[in-house]
Amino acid sequence: MKNVIYTKKELGSHRGRVLSVRETCADKDGTSYIRKGFVYLVSPVDAVPSKIPSPEIRVVKAIEQAKAIEKFMFSVKGTVYFKKNRIPFRVDYKHSLKINAVWKTHVLSSDPAALA
């Protein structure tokens, strides 16, 4: 079974937007909780700089075997410039993805493994 919740918020006077998606997926092996987030902030600037910094990327993965939980986090943070009616704008953005997988503990085979 899959459950999805989608939310969208406008920041005051068209300054930006926040989008988020939450999903829950359950099957016979476990349950996955997925959160996606997108944040955009827009501001006018005087000029576009000649050198734009590279986006920051962060990846984290952790496994808790005792609790049967696997966690994965990914985020990208950066800046993009664009022009509208000859006016330059700066867009700061952050995209994030978080996945928590909770595994059910069960015995796959009652017999011990045999070597062939």
PDB file of N, CA and C in Angstrom:
ATOM      1  N   MET A   1       0.844  -1.174   0.000  1.00  0.00           N
ATOM      2  CA  MET A   1       0.000   0.000   0.000  1.00  0.00           C
ATOM      3  C   MET A   1       0.889   1.236   0.000  1.00  0.00           C
ATOM      4  N   LYS A   2       0.501   2.226  -0.771  1.00  0.00           N
ATOM      5  CA  LYS A   2       1.286   3.453  -0.891  1.00  0.00           C
ATOM      6  C   LYS A   2       0.415   4.648  -0.510  1.00  0.00           C
ATOM      7  N   ASN A   3       0.962   5.513   0.348  1.00  0.00           N
ATOM      8  CA  ASN A   3       0.257   6.704   0.793  1.00  0.00           C
ATOM      9  C   ASN A   3       1.144   7.910   0.465  1.00  0.00           C
ATOM     10  N   VAL A   4       0.605   8.916  -0.262  1.00  0.00           N
ATOM     11  CA  VAL A   4       1.387  10.073  -0.699  1.00  0.00           C
ATOM     12  C   VAL A   4       0.704  11.354  -0.215  1.00  0.00           C
ATOM     13  N   ILE A   5       1.500  12.243   0.400  1.00  0.00           N
ATOM     14  CA  ILE A   5       1.008  13.551   0.830  1.00  0.00           C
ATOM     15  C   ILE A   5       1.870  14.609   0.137  1.00  0.00           C
ATOM     16  N   TYR A   6       1.241  15.525  -0.585  1.00  0.00           N
ATOM     17  CA  TYR A   6       1.926  16.561  -1.349  1.00  0.00           C
ATOM     18  C   TYR A   6       1.516  17.918  -0.797  1.00  0.00           C
ATOM     19  N   THR A   7       2.491  18.779  -0.458  1.00  0.00           N
ATOM     20  CA  THR A   7       2.179  20.121   0.023  1.00  0.00           C
ATOM     21  C   THR A   7       2.984  21.151  -0.771  1.00  0.00           C
ATOM     22  N   LYS A   8       2.378  22.325  -0.953  1.00  0.00           N
ATOM     23  CA  LYS A   8       3.031  23.417  -1.681  1.00  0.00           C
ATOM     24  C   LYS A   8       2.712  24.714  -0.952  1.00  0.00           C
ATOM     25  N   LYS A   9       3.758  25.511  -0.665  1.00  0.00           N
ATOM     26  CA  LYS A   9       3.572  26.793   0.013  1.00  0.00           C
ATOM     27  C   LYS A   9       4.251  27.892  -0.787  1.00  0.00           C
ATOM     28  N   GLU A  10       3.586  29.013  -0.920  1.00  0.00           N
ATOM     29  CA  GLU A  10       4.176  30.203  -1.532  1.00  0.00           C
ATOM     30  C   GLU A  10       4.728  31.072  -0.411  1.00  0.00           C
ATOM     31  N   LEU A  11       5.925  31.586  -0.585  1.00  0.00           N
ATOM     32  CA  LEU A  11       6.476  32.512   0.392  1.00  0.00           C
ATOM     33  C   LEU A  11       6.008  33.916   0.038  1.00  0.00           C
ATOM     34  N   GLY A  12       5.929  34.793   1.021  1.00  0.00           N
ATOM     35  CA  GLY A  12       5.360  36.126   0.868  1.00  0.00           C
ATOM     36  C   GLY A  12       5.829  36.908  -0.336  1.00  0.00           C
ATOM     37  N   SER A  13       4.917  37.556  -0.988  1.00  0.00           N
ATOM     38  CA  SER A  13       5.123  38.439  -2.155  1.00  0.00           C
ATOM     39  C   SER A  13       6.013  37.802  -3.226  1.00  0.00           C
ATOM     40  N   HIS A  14       5.704  36.565  -3.561  1.00  0.00           N
ATOM     41  CA  HIS A  14       6.374  35.820  -4.644  1.00  0.00           C
ATOM     42  C   HIS A  14       7.896  35.721  -4.453  1.00  0.00           C
ATOM     43  N   ARG A  15       8.342  35.604  -3.209  1.00  0.00           N
ATOM     44  CA  ARG A  15       9.777  35.472  -2.929  1.00  0.00           C
ATOM     45  C   ARG A  15      10.276  34.062  -3.173  1.00  0.00           C
ATOM     46  N   GLY A  16       9.400  33.079  -3.115  1.00  0.00           N
ATOM     47  CA  GLY A  16       9.861  31.719  -3.292  1.00  0.00           C
ATOM     48  C   GLY A  16       8.749  30.708  -3.102  1.00  0.00           C
ATOM     49  N   ARG A  17       9.164  29.445  -3.066  1.00  0.00           N
ATOM     50  CA  ARG A  17       8.195  28.358  -2.982  1.00  0.00           C
ATOM     51  C   ARG A  17       8.822  27.197  -2.222  1.00  0.00           C
ATOM     52  N   VAL A  18       8.003  26.498  -1.456  1.00  0.00           N
ATOM     53  CA  VAL A  18       8.424  25.304  -0.730  1.00  0.00           C
ATOM     54  C   VAL A  18       7.498  24.169  -1.145  1.00  0.00           C
ATOM     55  N   LEU A  19       8.081  23.088  -1.646  1.00  0.00           N
ATOM     56  CA  LEU A  19       7.322  21.909  -2.046  1.00  0.00           C
ATOM     57  C   LEU A  19       7.806  20.732  -1.210  1.00  0.00           C
ATOM     58  N   SER A  20       6.886  19.878  -0.798  1.00  0.00           N
ATOM     59  CA  SER A  20       7.294  18.674  -0.080  1.00  0.00           C
ATOM     60  C   SER A  20       6.373  17.524  -0.440  1.00  0.00           C
ATOM     61  N   VAL A  21       6.975  16.339  -0.477  1.00  0.00           N
ATOM     62  CA  VAL A  21       6.244  15.114  -0.781  1.00  0.00           C
ATOM     63  C   VAL A  21       6.622  14.092   0.279  1.00  0.00           C
ATOM     64  N   ARG A  22       5.627  13.465   0.878  1.00  0.00           N
ATOM     65  CA  ARG A  22       5.853  12.397   1.855  1.00  0.00           C
ATOM     66  C   ARG A  22       5.158  11.145   1.363  1.00  0.00           C
ATOM     67  N   GLU A  23       5.911  10.063   1.325  1.00  0.00           N
ATOM     68  CA  GLU A  23       5.362   8.794   0.864  1.00  0.00           C
ATOM     69  C   GLU A  23       5.607   7.726   1.922  1.00  0.00           C
ATOM     70  N   THR A  24       4.650   6.825   2.048  1.00  0.00           N
ATOM     71  CA  THR A  24       4.804   5.645   2.890  1.00  0.00           C
ATOM     72  C   THR A  24       4.442   4.448   2.033  1.00  0.00           C
ATOM     73  N   CYS A  25       5.381   3.514   1.904  1.00  0.00           N
ATOM     74  CA  CYS A  25       5.169   2.312   1.106  1.00  0.00           C
ATOM     75  C   CYS A  25       5.349   1.086   1.993  1.00  0.00           C
ATOM     76  N   ALA A  26       4.325   0.295   2.097  1.00  0.00           N
ATOM     77  CA  ALA A  26       4.404  -0.916   2.912  1.00  0.00           C
ATOM     78  C   ALA A  26       4.239  -2.131   2.007  1.00  0.00           C
ATOM     79  N   ASP A  27       5.071  -3.143   2.228  1.00  0.00           N
ATOM     80  CA  ASP A  27       4.930  -4.406   1.510  1.00  0.00           C
ATOM     81  C   ASP A  27       5.270  -5.539   2.474  1.00  0.00           C
ATOM     82  N   LYS A  28       5.410  -6.745   1.956  1.00  0.00           N
ATOM     83  CA  LYS A  28       5.601  -7.904   2.830  1.00  0.00           C
ATOM     84  C   LYS A  28       6.962  -7.910   3.529  1.00  0.00           C
ATOM     85  N   ASP A  29       7.984  -7.216   2.979  1.00  0.00           N
ATOM     86  CA  ASP A  29       9.322  -7.229   3.564  1.00  0.00           C
ATOM     87  C   ASP A  29       9.568  -6.092   4.548  1.00  0.00           C
ATOM     88  N   GLY A  30       8.795  -5.023   4.461  1.00  0.00           N
ATOM     89  CA  GLY A  30       9.019  -3.900   5.362  1.00  0.00           C
ATOM     90  C   GLY A  30       8.239  -2.671   4.940  1.00  0.00           C
ATOM     91  N   THR A  31       8.609  -1.537   5.530  1.00  0.00           N
ATOM     92  CA  THR A  31       7.952  -0.269   5.253  1.00  0.00           C
ATOM     93  C   THR A  31       9.012   0.777   4.937  1.00  0.00           C
ATOM     94  N   SER A  32       8.765   1.582   3.892  1.00  0.00           N
ATOM     95  CA  SER A  32       9.678   2.657   3.501  1.00  0.00           C
ATOM     96  C   SER A  32       8.982   3.995   3.706  1.00  0.00           C
ATOM     97  N   TYR A  33       9.696   4.909   4.347  1.00  0.00           N
ATOM     98  CA  TYR A  33       9.207   6.268   4.557  1.00  0.00           C
ATOM     99  C   TYR A  33      10.102   7.190   3.728  1.00  0.00           C
ATOM    100  N   ILE A  34       9.503   7.900   2.779  1.00  0.00           N
ATOM    101  CA  ILE A  34      10.264   8.728   1.845  1.00  0.00           C
ATOM    102  C   ILE A  34       9.797  10.176   1.986  1.00  0.00           C
ATOM    103  N   ARG A  35      10.764  11.086   2.170  1.00  0.00           N
ATOM    104  CA  ARG A  35      10.463  12.518   2.249  1.00  0.00           C
ATOM    105  C   ARG A  35      11.304  13.249   1.214  1.00  0.00           C
ATOM    106  N   LYS A  36      10.647  14.030   0.374  1.00  0.00           N
ATOM    107  CA  LYS A  36      11.326  14.845  -0.635  1.00  0.00           C
ATOM    108  C   LYS A  36      10.986  16.300  -0.352  1.00  0.00           C
ATOM    109  N   GLY A  37      11.991  17.159  -0.386  1.00  0.00           N
ATOM    110  CA  GLY A  37      11.765  18.578  -0.130  1.00  0.00           C
ATOM    111  C   GLY A  37      12.454  19.436  -1.165  1.00  0.00           C
ATOM    112  N   PHE A  38      11.780  20.500  -1.583  1.00  0.00           N
ATOM    113  CA  PHE A  38      12.314  21.430  -2.575  1.00  0.00           C
ATOM    114  C   PHE A  38      12.031  22.844  -2.085  1.00  0.00           C
ATOM    115  N   VAL A  39      13.090  23.638  -1.893  1.00  0.00           N
ATOM    116  CA  VAL A  39      12.939  25.013  -1.417  1.00  0.00           C
ATOM    117  C   VAL A  39      13.596  25.938  -2.439  1.00  0.00           C
ATOM    118  N   TYR A  40      12.865  26.979  -2.838  1.00  0.00           N
ATOM    119  CA  TYR A  40      13.371  27.968  -3.797  1.00  0.00           C
ATOM    120  C   TYR A  40      13.141  29.367  -3.227  1.00  0.00           C
ATOM    121  N   LEU A  41      14.201  30.173  -3.157  1.00  0.00           N
ATOM    122  CA  LEU A  41      14.095  31.563  -2.718  1.00  0.00           C
ATOM    123  C   LEU A  41      14.604  32.460  -3.842  1.00  0.00           C
ATOM    124  N   VAL A  42      13.801  33.436  -4.256  1.00  0.00           N
ATOM    125  CA  VAL A  42      14.125  34.323  -5.373  1.00  0.00           C
ATOM    126  C   VAL A  42      14.379  35.724  -4.834  1.00  0.00           C
ATOM    127  N   SER A  43      15.460  36.349  -5.330  1.00  0.00           N
ATOM    128  CA  SER A  43      15.746  37.731  -4.941  1.00  0.00           C
ATOM    129  C   SER A  43      16.396  38.453  -6.115  1.00  0.00           C
ATOM    130  N   PRO A  44      16.043  39.727  -6.333  1.00  0.00           N
ATOM    131  CA  PRO A  44      16.680  40.492  -7.416  1.00  0.00           C
ATOM    132  C   PRO A  44      18.119  40.865  -7.022  1.00  0.00           C
ATOM    133  N   VAL A  45      18.991  40.934  -8.010  1.00  0.00           N
ATOM    134  CA  VAL A  45      20.393  41.312  -7.782  1.00  0.00           C
ATOM    135  C   VAL A  45      20.776  42.408  -8.772  1.00  0.00           C
ATOM    136  N   ASP A  46      21.899  43.075  -8.501  1.00  0.00           N
ATOM    137  CA  ASP A  46      22.368  44.142  -9.385  1.00  0.00           C
ATOM    138  C   ASP A  46      22.975  43.581 -10.666  1.00  0.00           C
ATOM    139  N   ALA A  47      23.773  42.494 -10.525  1.00  0.00           N
ATOM    140  CA  ALA A  47      24.421  41.903 -11.693  1.00  0.00           C
ATOM    141  C   ALA A  47      24.723  40.432 -11.400  1.00  0.00           C
ATOM    142  N   VAL A  48      24.867  39.683 -12.463  1.00  0.00           N
ATOM    143  CA  VAL A  48      25.213  38.263 -12.331  1.00  0.00           C
ATOM    144  C   VAL A  48      26.733  38.164 -12.172  1.00  0.00           C
ATOM    145  N   PRO A  49      27.222  37.486 -11.126  1.00  0.00           N
ATOM    146  CA  PRO A  49      28.683  37.388 -10.943  1.00  0.00           C
ATOM    147  C   PRO A  49      29.329  36.557 -12.049  1.00  0.00           C
ATOM    148  N   SER A  50      30.606  36.834 -12.297  1.00  0.00           N
ATOM    149  CA  SER A  50      31.312  36.120 -13.366  1.00  0.00           C
ATOM    150  C   SER A  50      31.562  34.664 -13.000  1.00  0.00           C
ATOM    151  N   LYS A  51      31.769  34.376 -11.708  1.00  0.00           N
ATOM    152  CA  LYS A  51      31.990  32.995 -11.279  1.00  0.00           C
ATOM    153  C   LYS A  51      30.896  32.589 -10.303  1.00  0.00           C
ATOM    154  N   ILE A  52      30.180  31.526 -10.658  1.00  0.00           N
ATOM    155  CA  ILE A  52      29.098  31.008  -9.821  1.00  0.00           C
ATOM    156  C   ILE A  52      29.626  29.785  -9.078  1.00  0.00           C
ATOM    157  N   PRO A  53      29.459  29.735  -7.753  1.00  0.00           N
ATOM    158  CA  PRO A  53      29.976  28.587  -7.008  1.00  0.00           C
ATOM    159  C   PRO A  53      29.242  27.292  -7.362  1.00  0.00           C
ATOM    160  N   SER A  54      29.952  26.186  -7.238  1.00  0.00           N
ATOM    161  CA  SER A  54      29.362  24.867  -7.508  1.00  0.00           C
ATOM    162  C   SER A  54      28.368  24.517  -6.405  1.00  0.00           C
ATOM    163  N   PRO A  55      27.368  23.703  -6.724  1.00  0.00           N
ATOM    164  CA  PRO A  55      26.420  23.296  -5.691  1.00  0.00           C
ATOM    165  C   PRO A  55      27.074  22.381  -4.650  1.00  0.00           C
ATOM    166  N   GLU A  56      26.544  22.426  -3.444  1.00  0.00           N
ATOM    167  CA  GLU A  56      27.010  21.565  -2.364  1.00  0.00           C
ATOM    168  C   GLU A  56      26.166  20.291  -2.376  1.00  0.00           C
ATOM    169  N   ILE A  57      26.831  19.148  -2.357  1.00  0.00           N
ATOM    170  CA  ILE A  57      26.131  17.864  -2.378  1.00  0.00           C
ATOM    171  C   ILE A  57      26.521  17.093  -1.123  1.00  0.00           C
ATOM    172  N   ARG A  58      25.523  16.522  -0.458  1.00  0.00           N
ATOM    173  CA  ARG A  58      25.764  15.752   0.763  1.00  0.00           C
ATOM    174  C   ARG A  58      24.998  14.439   0.681  1.00  0.00           C
ATOM    175  N   VAL A  59      25.706  13.338   0.973  1.00  0.00           N
ATOM    176  CA  VAL A  59      25.096  12.010   0.959  1.00  0.00           C
ATOM    177  C   VAL A  59      25.469  11.296   2.254  1.00  0.00           C
ATOM    178  N   VAL A  60      24.472  10.749   2.950  1.00  0.00           N
ATOM    179  CA  VAL A  60      24.696  10.013   4.189  1.00  0.00           C
ATOM    180  C   VAL A  60      23.878   8.729   4.140  1.00  0.00           C
ATOM    181  N   LYS A  61      24.519   7.615   4.505  1.00  0.00           N
ATOM    182  CA  LYS A  61      23.820   6.338   4.578  1.00  0.00           C
ATOM    183  C   LYS A  61      24.191   5.667   5.883  1.00  0.00           C
ATOM    184  N   ALA A  62      23.201   5.125   6.585  1.00  0.00           N
ATOM    185  CA  ALA A  62      23.437   4.446   7.857  1.00  0.00           C
ATOM    186  C   ALA A  62      22.535   3.220   7.950  1.00  0.00           C
ATOM    187  N   ILE A  63      23.077   2.171   8.554  1.00  0.00           N
ATOM    188  CA  ILE A  63      22.313   0.940   8.752  1.00  0.00           C
ATOM    189  C   ILE A  63      22.382   0.579  10.227  1.00  0.00           C
ATOM    190  N   GLU A  64      21.222   0.392  10.844  1.00  0.00           N
ATOM    191  CA  GLU A  64      21.130  -0.062  12.228  1.00  0.00           C
ATOM    192  C   GLU A  64      20.610  -1.499  12.202  1.00  0.00           C
ATOM    193  N   GLN A  65      21.523  -2.462  12.277  1.00  0.00           N
ATOM    194  CA  GLN A  65      21.130  -3.863  12.154  1.00  0.00           C
ATOM    195  C   GLN A  65      20.296  -4.329  13.332  1.00  0.00           C
ATOM    196  N   ALA A  66      20.572  -3.822  14.521  1.00  0.00           N
ATOM    197  CA  ALA A  66      19.821  -4.255  15.704  1.00  0.00           C
ATOM    198  C   ALA A  66      18.337  -3.878  15.601  1.00  0.00           C
ATOM    199  N   LYS A  67      18.056  -2.706  15.021  1.00  0.00           N
ATOM    200  CA  LYS A  67      16.671  -2.247  14.872  1.00  0.00           C
ATOM    201  C   LYS A  67      16.102  -2.547  13.496  1.00  0.00           C
ATOM    202  N   ALA A  68      16.910  -3.099  12.585  1.00  0.00           N
ATOM    203  CA  ALA A  68      16.510  -3.412  11.206  1.00  0.00           C
ATOM    204  C   ALA A  68      16.033  -2.162  10.467  1.00  0.00           C
ATOM    205  N   ILE A  69      16.821  -1.081  10.569  1.00  0.00           N
ATOM    206  CA  ILE A  69      16.488   0.195   9.919  1.00  0.00           C
ATOM    207  C   ILE A  69      17.650   0.604   9.019  1.00  0.00           C
ATOM    208  N   GLU A  70      17.319   1.041   7.816  1.00  0.00           N
ATOM    209  CA  GLU A  70      18.307   1.569   6.876  1.00  0.00           C
ATOM    210  C   GLU A  70      17.912   3.003   6.543  1.00  0.00           C
ATOM    211  N   LYS A  71      18.868   3.943   6.676  1.00  0.00           N
ATOM    212  CA  LYS A  71      18.594   5.360   6.438  1.00  0.00           C
ATOM    213  C   LYS A  71      19.483   5.878   5.320  1.00  0.00           C
ATOM    214  N   PHE A  72      18.902   6.708   4.459  1.00  0.00           N
ATOM    215  CA  PHE A  72      19.630   7.323   3.353  1.00  0.00           C
ATOM    216  C   PHE A  72      19.193   8.776   3.245  1.00  0.00           C
ATOM    217  N   MET A  73      20.164   9.704   3.197  1.00  0.00           N
ATOM    218  CA  MET A  73      19.862  11.123   3.056  1.00  0.00           C
ATOM    219  C   MET A  73      20.722  11.711   1.940  1.00  0.00           C
ATOM    220  N   PHE A  74      20.108  12.542   1.106  1.00  0.00           N
ATOM    221  CA  PHE A  74      20.785  13.180  -0.023  1.00  0.00           C
ATOM    222  C   PHE A  74      20.280  14.611  -0.112  1.00  0.00           C
ATOM    223  N   SER A  75      21.205  15.571  -0.229  1.00  0.00           N
ATOM    224  CA  SER A  75      20.774  16.962  -0.383  1.00  0.00           C
ATOM    225  C   SER A  75      21.709  17.702  -1.334  1.00  0.00           C
ATOM    226  N   VAL A  76      21.119  18.627  -2.076  1.00  0.00           N
ATOM    227  CA  VAL A  76      21.844  19.488  -3.009  1.00  0.00           C
ATOM    228  C   VAL A  76      21.432  20.920  -2.704  1.00  0.00           C
ATOM    229  N   LYS A  77      22.445  21.785  -2.546  1.00  0.00           N
ATOM    230  CA  LYS A  77      22.177  23.182  -2.221  1.00  0.00           C
ATOM    231  C   LYS A  77      23.013  24.046  -3.159  1.00  0.00           C
ATOM    232  N   GLY A  78      22.378  25.035  -3.802  1.00  0.00           N
ATOM    233  CA  GLY A  78      23.120  25.854  -4.748  1.00  0.00           C
ATOM    234  C   GLY A  78      22.374  27.116  -5.143  1.00  0.00           C
ATOM    235  N   THR A  79      22.911  27.775  -6.170  1.00  0.00           N
ATOM    236  CA  THR A  79      22.366  29.039  -6.648  1.00  0.00           C
ATOM    237  C   THR A  79      22.324  29.046  -8.177  1.00  0.00           C
ATOM    238  N   VAL A  80      21.260  29.620  -8.717  1.00  0.00           N
ATOM    239  CA  VAL A  80      21.088  29.773 -10.161  1.00  0.00           C
ATOM    240  C   VAL A  80      20.691  31.223 -10.422  1.00  0.00           C
ATOM    241  N   TYR A  81      21.186  31.788 -11.518  1.00  0.00           N
ATOM    242  CA  TYR A  81      20.833  33.154 -11.909  1.00  0.00           C
ATOM    243  C   TYR A  81      20.049  33.128 -13.216  1.00  0.00           C
ATOM    244  N   PHE A  82      19.087  34.058 -13.342  1.00  0.00           N
ATOM    245  CA  PHE A  82      18.345  34.199 -14.595  1.00  0.00           C
ATOM    246  C   PHE A  82      17.906  35.652 -14.749  1.00  0.00           C
ATOM    247  N   LYS A  83      17.511  36.010 -15.968  1.00  0.00           N
ATOM    248  CA  LYS A  83      17.032  37.369 -16.241  1.00  0.00           C
ATOM    249  C   LYS A  83      15.594  37.313 -16.725  1.00  0.00           C
ATOM    250  N   LYS A  84      14.807  38.281 -16.244  1.00  0.00           N
ATOM    251  CA  LYS A  84      13.428  38.436 -16.701  1.00  0.00           C
ATOM    252  C   LYS A  84      13.228  39.926 -16.957  1.00  0.00           C
ATOM    253  N   ASN A  85      12.891  40.260 -18.188  1.00  0.00           N
ATOM    254  CA  ASN A  85      12.736  41.667 -18.597  1.00  0.00           C
ATOM    255  C   ASN A  85      13.993  42.477 -18.275  1.00  0.00           C
ATOM    256  N   ARG A  86      15.143  41.894 -18.562  1.00  0.00           N
ATOM    257  CA  ARG A  86      16.468  42.514 -18.370  1.00  0.00           C
ATOM    258  C   ARG A  86      16.837  42.742 -16.906  1.00  0.00           C
ATOM    259  N   ILE A  87      16.093  42.197 -15.983  1.00  0.00           N
ATOM    260  CA  ILE A  87      16.399  42.320 -14.561  1.00  0.00           C
ATOM    261  C   ILE A  87      16.962  40.980 -14.082  1.00  0.00           C
ATOM    262  N   PRO A  88      18.177  40.972 -13.544  1.00  0.00           N
ATOM    263  CA  PRO A  88      18.751  39.698 -13.078  1.00  0.00           C
ATOM    264  C   PRO A  88      18.177  39.291 -11.714  1.00  0.00           C
ATOM    265  N   PHE A  89      17.958  38.000 -11.562  1.00  0.00           N
ATOM    266  CA  PHE A  89      17.446  37.428 -10.322  1.00  0.00           C
ATOM    267  C   PHE A  89      18.356  36.285  -9.887  1.00  0.00           C
ATOM    268  N   ARG A  90      18.389  36.078  -8.589  1.00  0.00           N
ATOM    269  CA  ARG A  90      19.141  34.972  -8.000  1.00  0.00           C
ATOM    270  C   ARG A  90      18.153  34.014  -7.358  1.00  0.00           C
ATOM    271  N   VAL A  91      18.306  32.717  -7.642  1.00  0.00           N
ATOM    272  CA  VAL A  91      17.452  31.695  -7.045  1.00  0.00           C
ATOM    273  C   VAL A  91      18.341  30.775  -6.205  1.00  0.00           C
ATOM    274  N   ASP A  92      18.133  30.792  -4.898  1.00  0.00           N
ATOM    275  CA  ASP A  92      18.804  29.857  -4.001  1.00  0.00           C
ATOM    276  C   ASP A  92      17.881  28.655  -3.846  1.00  0.00           C
ATOM    277  N   TYR A  93      18.431  27.468  -4.014  1.00  0.00           N
ATOM    278  CA  TYR A  93      17.600  26.269  -3.947  1.00  0.00           C
ATOM    279  C   TYR A  93      18.235  25.221  -3.035  1.00  0.00           C
ATOM    280  N   LYS A  94      17.380  24.358  -2.515  1.00  0.00           N
ATOM    281  CA  LYS A  94      17.829  23.204  -1.737  1.00  0.00           C
ATOM    282  C   LYS A  94      16.864  22.063  -2.017  1.00  0.00           C
ATOM    283  N   HIS A  95      17.417  20.964  -2.502  1.00  0.00           N
ATOM    284  CA  HIS A  95      16.636  19.751  -2.760  1.00  0.00           C
ATOM    285  C   HIS A  95      17.101  18.700  -1.770  1.00  0.00           C
ATOM    286  N   SER A  96      16.179  17.983  -1.153  1.00  0.00           N
ATOM    287  CA  SER A  96      16.567  16.953  -0.198  1.00  0.00           C
ATOM    288  C   SER A  96      15.711  15.704  -0.394  1.00  0.00           C
ATOM    289  N   LEU A  97      16.322  14.570  -0.107  1.00  0.00           N
ATOM    290  CA  LEU A  97      15.656  13.271  -0.188  1.00  0.00           C
ATOM    291  C   LEU A  97      16.065  12.475   1.040  1.00  0.00           C
ATOM    292  N   LYS A  98      15.082  11.986   1.789  1.00  0.00           N
ATOM    293  CA  LYS A  98      15.345  11.161   2.973  1.00  0.00           C
ATOM    294  C   LYS A  98      14.523   9.883   2.855  1.00  0.00           C
ATOM    295  N   ILE A  99      15.196   8.747   3.007  1.00  0.00           N
ATOM    296  CA  ILE A  99      14.522   7.451   2.930  1.00  0.00           C
ATOM    297  C   ILE A  99      14.861   6.670   4.189  1.00  0.00           C
ATOM    298  N   ASN A 100      13.841   6.211   4.889  1.00  0.00           N
ATOM    299  CA  ASN A 100      13.996   5.321   6.031  1.00  0.00           C
ATOM    300  C   ASN A 100      13.296   4.013   5.689  1.00  0.00           C
ATOM    301  N   ALA A 101      14.048   2.939   5.650  1.00  0.00           N
ATOM    302  CA  ALA A 101      13.483   1.623   5.362  1.00  0.00           C
ATOM    303  C   ALA A 101      13.517   0.804   6.643  1.00  0.00           C
ATOM    304  N   VAL A 102      12.355   0.368   7.090  1.00  0.00           N
ATOM    305  CA  VAL A 102      12.235  -0.464   8.283  1.00  0.00           C
ATOM    306  C   VAL A 102      11.905  -1.873   7.813  1.00  0.00           C
ATOM    307  N   TRP A 103      12.833  -2.796   8.064  1.00  0.00           N
ATOM    308  CA  TRP A 103      12.681  -4.164   7.595  1.00  0.00           C
ATOM    309  C   TRP A 103      12.016  -5.019   8.665  1.00  0.00           C
ATOM    310  N   LYS A 104      11.103  -5.886   8.233  1.00  0.00           N
ATOM    311  CA  LYS A 104      10.485  -6.838   9.140  1.00  0.00           C
ATOM    312  C   LYS A 104      11.474  -7.969   9.385  1.00  0.00           C
ATOM    313  N   THR A 105      11.528  -8.435  10.590  1.00  0.00           N
ATOM    314  CA  THR A 105      12.422  -9.549  10.899  1.00  0.00           C
ATOM    315  C   THR A 105      11.625 -10.836  10.772  1.00  0.00           C
ATOM    316  N   HIS A 106      12.099 -11.724   9.940  1.00  0.00           N
ATOM    317  CA  HIS A 106      11.449 -13.006   9.774  1.00  0.00           C
ATOM    318  C   HIS A 106      12.487 -14.040   9.345  1.00  0.00           C
ATOM    319  N   VAL A 107      12.181 -15.288   9.608  1.00  0.00           N
ATOM    320  CA  VAL A 107      13.087 -16.376   9.260  1.00  0.00           C
ATOM    321  C   VAL A 107      12.734 -16.856   7.865  1.00  0.00           C
ATOM    322  N   LEU A 108      13.726 -16.846   6.959  1.00  0.00           N
ATOM    323  CA  LEU A 108      13.465 -17.248   5.585  1.00  0.00           C
ATOM    324  C   LEU A 108      13.447 -18.771   5.437  1.00  0.00           C
ATOM    325  N   SER A 109      14.235 -19.470   6.239  1.00  0.00           N
ATOM    326  CA  SER A 109      14.316 -20.928   6.104  1.00  0.00           C
ATOM    327  C   SER A 109      14.514 -21.530   7.497  1.00  0.00           C
ATOM    328  N   SER A 110      13.801 -22.620   7.775  1.00  0.00           N
ATOM    329  CA  SER A 110      13.947 -23.261   9.081  1.00  0.00           C
ATOM    330  C   SER A 110      15.126 -24.232   9.104  1.00  0.00           C
ATOM    331  N   ASP A 111      15.571 -24.720   7.935  1.00  0.00           N
ATOM    332  CA  ASP A 111      16.684 -25.642   7.849  1.00  0.00           C
ATOM    333  C   ASP A 111      17.986 -24.863   7.739  1.00  0.00           C
ATOM    334  N   PRO A 112      19.082 -25.378   8.348  1.00  0.00           N
ATOM    335  CA  PRO A 112      20.366 -24.710   8.179  1.00  0.00           C
ATOM    336  C   PRO A 112      20.859 -24.837   6.743  1.00  0.00           C
ATOM    337  N   ALA A 113      21.655 -23.901   6.321  1.00  0.00           N
ATOM    338  CA  ALA A 113      22.177 -23.911   4.956  1.00  0.00           C
ATOM    339  C   ALA A 113      23.133 -25.078   4.763  1.00  0.00           C
ATOM    340  N   ALA A 114      23.056 -25.701   3.605  1.00  0.00           N
ATOM    341  CA  ALA A 114      23.931 -26.831   3.299  1.00  0.00           C
ATOM    342  C   ALA A 114      24.830 -26.446   2.147  1.00  0.00           C
ATOM    343  N   LEU A 115      26.077 -26.864   2.230  1.00  0.00           N
ATOM    344  CA  LEU A 115      27.023 -26.596   1.147  1.00  0.00           C
ATOM    345  C   LEU A 115      26.870 -27.644   0.060  1.00  0.00           C
ATOM    346  N   ALA A 116      26.913 -27.240  -1.176  1.00  0.00           N
ATOM    347  CA  ALA A 116      26.763 -28.168  -2.286  1.00  0.00           C
ATOM    348  C   ALA A 116      28.082 -28.752  -2.700  1.00  0.00           C
TER     349      ALA A 116
END
